[in-house]
Each structure stands twice: as structure tokens, then as C-alpha cells.
Amino acid sequence: MNILRDIQSLSDFKQNASKIVKEIQATKSPVVVTVNGKAAVVVQDAESYQRMVDVREYNETVKVLRDRLKDIDDESKWVSAEDGFARLSTRFGMKFE
């Protein structure tokens, strides 16, 4: 991201929206739109946004899986089948045979 080139004021963005959107699509580089000199929003092409969402979702899934694998290794979090069925029986009044 070229910070000097990829920052646009809202008024410039409004005046040149079509041109700026075409540039974003061509370069795959997002543009920061400012309001009163402060960053307000980031505009990026849909393909890059989808890729970012996919990467984030993948990373979140990997984190959950890593956490679950740690749980598997921690025997203190495991309950025997016998104890598990006993707990279910007590809690829900079910009988297991």
C-alpha cells in the first residue's frame, strides 16, 4: 500500500469515484478515505475483500482446532464413558444400559 497515493479525501473520492474504483480494481490496492483529515473508511475490490475474509476464517478455524488438540492432550478434561453416562443419567433422568 502506497500510503501517499492511497489516501483520498471524501470530497476527492466523490468527484472521482468511478476512476478511483477502476484503479482499485486494477491494482487490487485499497484506498483510505478520509473525513476531516482522519481515516474514515477503506475501500477495496470485492475479490481482495473475499480473500481477506477467507484467510481470517481459515485462521480462526486453525486456532479452534489447535485449542481442541490441546484439550485432547489434557487428560484432566476427559471423562470416562462410564462417568459421562452417569452424569447424563443424573442430570436428565435417563437410564443407559
C-alpha atoms as a PDB file:
ATOM      1  CA  MET A   1       0.000   0.000   0.000  1.00  0.00           C
ATOM      2  CA  ASN A   2       1.433   3.355  -1.027  1.00  0.00           C
ATOM      3  CA  ILE A   3       0.192   5.490   1.847  1.00  0.00           C
ATOM      4  CA  LEU A   4       0.687   8.771  -0.012  1.00  0.00           C
ATOM      5  CA  ARG A   5      -1.135   7.628  -3.136  1.00  0.00           C
ATOM      6  CA  ASP A   6      -3.794   5.507  -1.475  1.00  0.00           C
ATOM      7  CA  ILE A   7      -5.359   8.157   0.747  1.00  0.00           C
ATOM      8  CA  GLN A   8      -8.220  10.202  -0.664  1.00  0.00           C
ATOM      9  CA  SER A   9     -10.416  12.823   0.945  1.00  0.00           C
ATOM     10  CA  LEU A  10     -14.125  12.115   0.821  1.00  0.00           C
ATOM     11  CA  SER A  11     -14.691  15.072  -1.488  1.00  0.00           C
ATOM     12  CA  ASP A  12     -11.999  13.819  -3.921  1.00  0.00           C
ATOM     13  CA  PHE A  13     -13.453  10.343  -3.738  1.00  0.00           C
ATOM     14  CA  LYS A  14     -16.940  11.660  -4.548  1.00  0.00           C
ATOM     15  CA  GLN A  15     -15.656  13.643  -7.528  1.00  0.00           C
ATOM     16  CA  ASN A  16     -13.533  10.798  -8.912  1.00  0.00           C
ATOM     17  CA  ALA A  17     -15.342   7.725  -7.617  1.00  0.00           C
ATOM     18  CA  SER A  18     -15.527   5.916 -10.954  1.00  0.00           C
ATOM     19  CA  LYS A  19     -11.846   6.493 -11.711  1.00  0.00           C
ATOM     20  CA  ILE A  20     -10.745   5.524  -8.197  1.00  0.00           C
ATOM     21  CA  VAL A  21     -12.851   2.347  -8.223  1.00  0.00           C
ATOM     22  CA  LYS A  22     -11.305   1.331 -11.555  1.00  0.00           C
ATOM     23  CA  GLU A  23      -7.818   1.910 -10.106  1.00  0.00           C
ATOM     24  CA  ILE A  24      -8.671  -0.144  -7.031  1.00  0.00           C
ATOM     25  CA  GLN A  25      -9.903  -2.991  -9.230  1.00  0.00           C
ATOM     26  CA  ALA A  26      -6.821  -2.828 -11.441  1.00  0.00           C
ATOM     27  CA  THR A  27      -4.201  -2.556  -8.692  1.00  0.00           C
ATOM     28  CA  LYS A  28      -6.000  -4.627  -6.026  1.00  0.00           C
ATOM     29  CA  SER A  29      -4.777  -1.965  -3.617  1.00  0.00           C
ATOM     30  CA  PRO A  30      -7.218  -0.462  -1.096  1.00  0.00           C
ATOM     31  CA  VAL A  31      -7.792   3.261  -0.683  1.00  0.00           C
ATOM     32  CA  VAL A  32      -8.254   5.017   2.651  1.00  0.00           C
ATOM     33  CA  VAL A  33     -10.969   7.663   2.500  1.00  0.00           C
ATOM     34  CA  THR A  34     -10.635  10.497   4.982  1.00  0.00           C
ATOM     35  CA  VAL A  35     -13.230  12.763   6.524  1.00  0.00           C
ATOM     36  CA  ASN A  36     -11.944  15.969   8.074  1.00  0.00           C
ATOM     37  CA  GLY A  37      -8.379  14.689   7.675  1.00  0.00           C
ATOM     38  CA  LYS A  38      -8.974  11.457   9.596  1.00  0.00           C
ATOM     39  CA  ALA A  39      -9.211   7.962   8.142  1.00  0.00           C
ATOM     40  CA  ALA A  40     -12.895   7.019   7.974  1.00  0.00           C
ATOM     41  CA  VAL A  41     -13.231   4.001   5.684  1.00  0.00           C
ATOM     42  CA  VAL A  42     -11.175   1.708   3.492  1.00  0.00           C
ATOM     43  CA  VAL A  43     -12.407   0.904   0.006  1.00  0.00           C
ATOM     44  CA  GLN A  44     -11.134  -2.262  -1.636  1.00  0.00           C
ATOM     45  CA  ASP A  45     -12.124  -4.526  -4.501  1.00  0.00           C
ATOM     46  CA  ALA A  46     -14.524  -7.375  -3.793  1.00  0.00           C
ATOM     47  CA  GLU A  47     -12.055 -10.136  -4.736  1.00  0.00           C
ATOM     48  CA  SER A  48      -9.413  -8.871  -2.304  1.00  0.00           C
ATOM     49  CA  TYR A  49     -12.022  -8.444   0.411  1.00  0.00           C
ATOM     50  CA  GLN A  50     -13.255 -12.021  -0.094  1.00  0.00           C
ATOM     51  CA  ARG A  51      -9.686 -13.311   0.060  1.00  0.00           C
ATOM     52  CA  MET A  52      -9.171 -11.392   3.321  1.00  0.00           C
ATOM     53  CA  VAL A  53     -12.387 -12.844   4.777  1.00  0.00           C
ATOM     54  CA  ASP A  54     -11.369 -16.357   3.704  1.00  0.00           C
ATOM     55  CA  VAL A  55      -7.920 -16.005   5.294  1.00  0.00           C
ATOM     56  CA  ARG A  56      -9.434 -14.715   8.523  1.00  0.00           C
ATOM     57  CA  GLU A  57     -11.954 -17.560   8.632  1.00  0.00           C
ATOM     58  CA  TYR A  58      -9.186 -20.091   7.950  1.00  0.00           C
ATOM     59  CA  ASN A  59      -7.019 -18.629  10.725  1.00  0.00           C
ATOM     60  CA  GLU A  60      -9.928 -18.704  13.182  1.00  0.00           C
ATOM     61  CA  THR A  61     -10.635 -22.345  12.282  1.00  0.00           C
ATOM     62  CA  VAL A  62      -6.974 -23.275  12.732  1.00  0.00           C
ATOM     63  CA  LYS A  63      -6.954 -21.588  16.150  1.00  0.00           C
ATOM     64  CA  VAL A  64     -10.049 -23.515  17.265  1.00  0.00           C
ATOM     65  CA  LEU A  65      -8.547 -26.783  16.050  1.00  0.00           C
ATOM     66  CA  ARG A  66      -5.261 -26.093  17.829  1.00  0.00           C
ATOM     67  CA  ASP A  67      -7.147 -25.323  21.040  1.00  0.00           C
ATOM     68  CA  ARG A  68      -9.133 -28.569  20.701  1.00  0.00           C
ATOM     69  CA  LEU A  69      -5.959 -30.566  20.093  1.00  0.00           C
ATOM     70  CA  LYS A  70      -4.523 -29.111  23.316  1.00  0.00           C
ATOM     71  CA  ASP A  71      -7.690 -30.262  25.095  1.00  0.00           C
ATOM     72  CA  ILE A  72      -7.187 -33.788  23.756  1.00  0.00           C
ATOM     73  CA  ASP A  73      -3.698 -33.859  25.261  1.00  0.00           C
ATOM     74  CA  ASP A  74      -5.005 -32.602  28.632  1.00  0.00           C
ATOM     75  CA  GLU A  75      -6.304 -35.765  30.286  1.00  0.00           C
ATOM     76  CA  SER A  76      -7.791 -33.743  33.158  1.00  0.00           C
ATOM     77  CA  LYS A  77     -10.504 -32.558  30.729  1.00  0.00           C
ATOM     78  CA  TRP A  78     -11.547 -36.105  29.814  1.00  0.00           C
ATOM     79  CA  VAL A  79     -14.305 -38.071  31.495  1.00  0.00           C
ATOM     80  CA  SER A  80     -14.653 -41.812  31.188  1.00  0.00           C
ATOM     81  CA  ALA A  81     -17.666 -43.124  29.287  1.00  0.00           C
ATOM     82  CA  GLU A  82     -18.983 -44.644  32.495  1.00  0.00           C
ATOM     83  CA  ASP A  83     -18.793 -41.293  34.340  1.00  0.00           C
ATOM     84  CA  GLY A  84     -20.241 -39.459  31.357  1.00  0.00           C
ATOM     85  CA  PHE A  85     -23.276 -41.731  31.157  1.00  0.00           C
ATOM     86  CA  ALA A  86     -23.715 -41.491  34.932  1.00  0.00           C
ATOM     87  CA  ARG A  87     -23.745 -37.691  34.716  1.00  0.00           C
ATOM     88  CA  LEU A  88     -26.268 -37.768  31.865  1.00  0.00           C
ATOM     89  CA  SER A  89     -28.423 -40.197  33.811  1.00  0.00           C
ATOM     90  CA  THR A  90     -28.377 -37.947  36.893  1.00  0.00           C
ATOM     91  CA  ARG A  91     -28.941 -34.737  35.009  1.00  0.00           C
ATOM     92  CA  PHE A  92     -31.646 -35.861  32.601  1.00  0.00           C
ATOM     93  CA  GLY A  93     -33.113 -38.867  34.410  1.00  0.00           C
ATOM     94  CA  MET A  94     -32.058 -41.180  31.603  1.00  0.00           C
ATOM     95  CA  LYS A  95     -31.014 -44.772  32.022  1.00  0.00           C
ATOM     96  CA  PHE A  96     -28.208 -46.286  29.993  1.00  0.00           C
ATOM     97  CA  GLU A  97     -27.592 -49.975  29.844  1.00  0.00           C
END
